[in-house]
C-alpha atoms as a PDB file:
ATOM      1  CA  MET A   1       0.000   0.000   0.000  1.00  0.00           C
ATOM      2  CA  TYR A   2       2.720   2.483   0.905  1.00  0.00           C
ATOM      3  CA  LYS A   3       5.483   3.361  -1.537  1.00  0.00           C
ATOM      4  CA  ARG A   4       8.687   3.372   0.494  1.00  0.00           C
ATOM      5  CA  GLN A   5       9.915   6.934   0.535  1.00  0.00           C
ATOM      6  CA  ASN A   6      11.527   7.056   3.964  1.00  0.00           C
ATOM      7  CA  PRO A   7      13.186   9.213   4.891  1.00  0.00           C
ATOM      8  CA  ASN A   8      11.703  11.949   2.742  1.00  0.00           C
ATOM      9  CA  ASN A   9      11.553  15.744   2.645  1.00  0.00           C
ATOM     10  CA  GLY A  10       7.910  15.829   3.743  1.00  0.00           C
ATOM     11  CA  GLN A  11       6.534  14.875   0.338  1.00  0.00           C
ATOM     12  CA  PHE A  12       5.442  11.288  -0.222  1.00  0.00           C
ATOM     13  CA  THR A  13       2.854   9.237  -2.087  1.00  0.00           C
ATOM     14  CA  ILE A  14       0.407   6.580  -0.900  1.00  0.00           C
ATOM     15  CA  GLU A  15      -0.934   4.019  -3.383  1.00  0.00           C
ATOM     16  CA  MET A  16      -3.900   1.930  -2.258  1.00  0.00           C
ATOM     17  CA  ARG A  17      -5.878  -0.895  -3.807  1.00  0.00           C
ATOM     18  CA  GLY A  18      -8.547  -2.924  -2.049  1.00  0.00           C
ATOM     19  CA  VAL A  19     -12.203  -3.350  -1.301  1.00  0.00           C
ATOM     20  CA  ALA A  20     -14.092  -0.196  -2.237  1.00  0.00           C
ATOM     21  CA  GLN A  21     -15.195   1.996   0.684  1.00  0.00           C
ATOM     22  CA  ASP A  22     -17.105   5.265   0.716  1.00  0.00           C
ATOM     23  CA  GLU A  23     -14.027   7.055   1.958  1.00  0.00           C
ATOM     24  CA  VAL A  24     -10.577   6.632   3.411  1.00  0.00           C
ATOM     25  CA  GLU A  25      -9.238   8.843   6.200  1.00  0.00           C
ATOM     26  CA  PHE A  26      -5.599   9.937   6.508  1.00  0.00           C
ATOM     27  CA  THR A  27      -4.530  11.332   9.888  1.00  0.00           C
ATOM     28  CA  PHE A  28      -0.967  12.569  10.368  1.00  0.00           C
ATOM     29  CA  PHE A  29       0.391  12.689  13.951  1.00  0.00           C
ATOM     30  CA  ASN A  30       3.544  14.187  15.426  1.00  0.00           C
ATOM     31  CA  ALA A  31       5.874  12.309  17.793  1.00  0.00           C
ATOM     32  CA  ILE A  32       3.789  13.161  20.883  1.00  0.00           C
ATOM     33  CA  GLY A  33       0.511  12.032  19.352  1.00  0.00           C
ATOM     34  CA  GLN A  34      -0.961  15.393  18.372  1.00  0.00           C
ATOM     35  CA  THR A  35      -2.951  15.515  15.140  1.00  0.00           C
ATOM     36  CA  VAL A  36      -1.077  17.555  12.550  1.00  0.00           C
ATOM     37  CA  ARG A  37      -3.570  17.123   9.717  1.00  0.00           C
ATOM     38  CA  ARG A  38      -6.613  15.022   8.830  1.00  0.00           C
ATOM     39  CA  GLU A  39      -7.812  14.451   5.277  1.00  0.00           C
ATOM     40  CA  VAL A  40     -10.568  12.348   3.754  1.00  0.00           C
ATOM     41  CA  ALA A  41     -10.576  10.961   0.203  1.00  0.00           C
ATOM     42  CA  ASP A  42     -13.033   9.022  -1.930  1.00  0.00           C
ATOM     43  CA  PHE A  43     -12.181   5.313  -2.147  1.00  0.00           C
ATOM     44  CA  GLY A  44     -15.355   4.278  -3.971  1.00  0.00           C
ATOM     45  CA  ILE A  45     -13.544   2.496  -6.811  1.00  0.00           C
ATOM     46  CA  GLY A  46     -11.108   0.623  -4.539  1.00  0.00           C
ATOM     47  CA  SER A  47      -8.038   2.371  -5.927  1.00  0.00           C
ATOM     48  CA  LEU A  48      -6.334   5.585  -4.873  1.00  0.00           C
ATOM     49  CA  THR A  49      -3.036   7.374  -5.379  1.00  0.00           C
ATOM     50  CA  ARG A  50      -2.542  10.340  -3.060  1.00  0.00           C
ATOM     51  CA  THR A  51       0.448  12.648  -2.751  1.00  0.00           C
ATOM     52  CA  PHE A  52       1.019  14.449   0.540  1.00  0.00           C
ATOM     53  CA  ASP A  53       3.071  17.603   1.023  1.00  0.00           C
ATOM     54  CA  TYR A  54       4.223  18.177   4.599  1.00  0.00           C
ATOM     55  CA  ALA A  55       7.443  19.931   3.555  1.00  0.00           C
ATOM     56  CA  GLN A  56       6.671  22.807   5.948  1.00  0.00           C
ATOM     57  CA  LEU A  57       6.981  20.507   8.979  1.00  0.00           C
ATOM     58  CA  PRO A  58      10.170  20.252  11.024  1.00  0.00           C
ATOM     59  CA  ALA A  59      12.384  17.210  10.585  1.00  0.00           C
ATOM     60  CA  GLY A  60      11.310  14.267  12.738  1.00  0.00           C
ATOM     61  CA  VAL A  61       9.408  11.003  12.857  1.00  0.00           C
ATOM     62  CA  TYR A  62       5.652  11.155  12.327  1.00  0.00           C
ATOM     63  CA  ALA A  63       2.869   8.584  12.170  1.00  0.00           C
ATOM     64  CA  LEU A  64       0.265   8.334   9.427  1.00  0.00           C
ATOM     65  CA  ARG A  65      -2.930   6.428  10.197  1.00  0.00           C
ATOM     66  CA  VAL A  66      -4.839   5.243   7.145  1.00  0.00           C
ATOM     67  CA  ARG A  67      -8.376   4.157   8.009  1.00  0.00           C
ATOM     68  CA  ALA A  68     -11.062   2.705   5.753  1.00  0.00           C
ATOM     69  CA  GLY A  69     -14.200   1.419   7.407  1.00  0.00           C
ATOM     70  CA  GLU A  70     -13.238  -0.589  10.496  1.00  0.00           C
ATOM     71  CA  GLU A  71      -9.672  -1.258   9.350  1.00  0.00           C
ATOM     72  CA  ALA A  72      -6.672   0.946  10.038  1.00  0.00           C
ATOM     73  CA  MET A  73      -2.991   0.818   9.197  1.00  0.00           C
ATOM     74  CA  TRP A  74      -0.157   2.848  10.715  1.00  0.00           C
ATOM     75  CA  VAL A  75       2.910   3.950   8.793  1.00  0.00           C
ATOM     76  CA  LYS A  76       5.966   5.751  10.212  1.00  0.00           C
ATOM     77  CA  VAL A  77       7.081   8.713   8.125  1.00  0.00           C
ATOM     78  CA  ALA A  78      10.550  10.177   8.632  1.00  0.00           C
ATOM     79  CA  VAL A  79      10.889  13.789   7.481  1.00  0.00           C
ATOM     80  CA  GLN A  80      14.495  14.766   6.923  1.00  0.00           C
ATOM     81  CA  ARG A  81      16.117  18.002   5.827  1.00  0.00           C
END
């Protein structure tokens, strides 16, 4: 699901394929668990490519939660300068 782009400069791409859902939710957290950004995208055809741009964030390790329906996946994202 996740194209390995770690570490990155804050810009990375997620590619998803699976069972169609009304929507998929992306929530980006900082190292102390605070929500940095939340986005929702249509996943009605069961395929999605989404590029994120968090280049304005300081270097560090972040967590991205990808949730569709009752299922969720966590991905660590390392932003490096």
